[in-house]
Protein backbone atom coordinates (compact mmCIF):
# COMPACT_ATOMS: atom_id res chain seq x y z
CA MET A 1 -24.34 73.62 128.78
CA ASP A 2 -21.81 70.97 129.54
CA HIS A 3 -23.35 68.91 132.29
CA PRO A 4 -25.07 65.54 132.58
CA SER A 5 -28.79 65.58 132.07
CA ALA A 6 -31.58 63.22 133.04
CA LEU A 7 -32.92 63.90 129.56
CA GLU A 8 -29.98 62.16 127.89
CA PRO A 9 -30.75 58.54 127.11
CA SER A 10 -28.61 56.13 129.09
CA ASN A 11 -27.31 52.83 127.79
CA GLY A 12 -28.74 53.57 124.35
CA SER A 13 -32.33 53.44 125.57
CA GLN A 14 -34.89 55.36 123.55
CA GLY A 15 -37.33 56.51 126.23
CA SER A 16 -39.73 59.31 125.44
CA ILE A 17 -39.23 62.75 126.93
CA THR A 18 -42.33 63.83 128.82
CA GLU A 19 -43.31 67.06 130.53
CA GLU A 20 -42.90 65.27 133.85
CA LEU A 21 -39.36 64.25 132.98
CA ILE A 22 -38.48 67.79 131.93
CA ALA A 23 -40.01 69.23 135.12
CA ALA A 24 -38.13 66.69 137.27
CA THR A 25 -34.88 67.46 135.46
CA ILE A 26 -35.27 71.22 135.98
CA ALA A 27 -36.18 70.69 139.65
CA GLY A 28 -33.12 68.46 140.06
CA LEU A 29 -30.87 71.02 138.37
CA VAL A 30 -32.18 73.80 140.61
CA SER A 31 -31.88 71.66 143.74
CA SER A 32 -28.35 70.59 142.84
CA ALA A 33 -27.24 74.16 142.14
CA TYR A 34 -28.75 75.33 145.42
CA ALA A 35 -26.99 72.54 147.33
CA ARG A 36 -23.65 73.58 145.78
CA GLY A 37 -24.20 77.16 146.93
CA GLN A 38 -24.82 78.54 143.47
CA SER A 39 -27.12 81.50 143.02
CA LEU A 40 -30.03 81.88 140.62
CA GLU A 41 -27.79 84.19 138.60
CA ASP A 42 -25.11 81.46 138.36
CA LEU A 43 -27.67 78.96 137.16
CA THR A 44 -29.22 81.42 134.69
CA ASP A 45 -25.77 82.18 133.26
CA LEU A 46 -25.20 78.45 132.80
CA VAL A 47 -28.49 78.00 130.95
CA LEU A 48 -27.79 81.01 128.72
CA GLU A 49 -24.29 79.83 127.70
CA GLU A 50 -23.76 79.08 124.02
CA ASP A 51 -24.92 75.60 123.21
CA PRO A 52 -24.69 73.81 119.87
CA GLU A 53 -28.04 72.07 120.42
CA LEU A 54 -30.13 75.00 121.71
CA ASP A 55 -30.70 78.33 119.97
CA GLN A 56 -30.72 81.64 121.87
CA MET A 57 -34.52 81.83 122.01
CA THR A 58 -34.78 78.35 123.53
CA ARG A 59 -32.03 79.10 126.08
CA GLN A 60 -33.83 82.30 127.08
CA TRP A 61 -37.11 80.42 127.47
CA LEU A 62 -35.40 77.77 129.60
CA SER A 63 -33.74 80.42 131.77
CA GLU A 64 -37.17 81.87 132.55
CA ILE A 65 -38.48 78.42 133.48
CA VAL A 66 -35.45 77.79 135.68
CA ALA A 67 -36.02 81.15 137.42
CA GLU A 68 -39.67 80.23 138.07
CA ALA A 69 -38.61 76.83 139.43
CA TRP A 70 -35.99 78.47 141.66
CA LYS A 71 -38.59 80.83 143.13
CA ASP A 72 -41.15 78.05 143.56
CA LEU A 73 -38.68 75.64 145.14
CA SER A 74 -36.96 78.24 147.31
CA GLY A 75 -40.21 78.73 149.20
CA SER A 76 -40.57 75.00 149.82
CA GLU A 77 -38.67 72.49 151.88
CA CYS A 78 -37.28 70.89 148.71
CA LEU A 79 -34.27 73.18 148.55
CA GLU A 80 -33.82 73.26 152.29
CA ALA A 81 -33.35 69.48 152.30
CA ALA A 82 -30.94 69.45 149.36
C-alpha cells in the first residue's frame, strides 16, 4: 500500500503505536476514501495489494477490519461530514 500513514513516524520521532492510534488511522483512511468517492471494494483492494511489509494473512485481517470500520462509520455522521 503506497500511501501516507499516521502510523509512520514523522521527523524521526519514535512514538509508540497504540490501539487508539491504529483505530484512528483506519477511521481516517475509511473517511478519506469515502470523501474521494471510493467504494468499500476499492479500499479493500488497496489493503489487499502486495506489500513488502505485510504478509497476505495480515493484509486479509486488515481488510476485514477496514470493512467493519466502513460499515460502522457509514451508519454514522462521520462519513457524511467527510
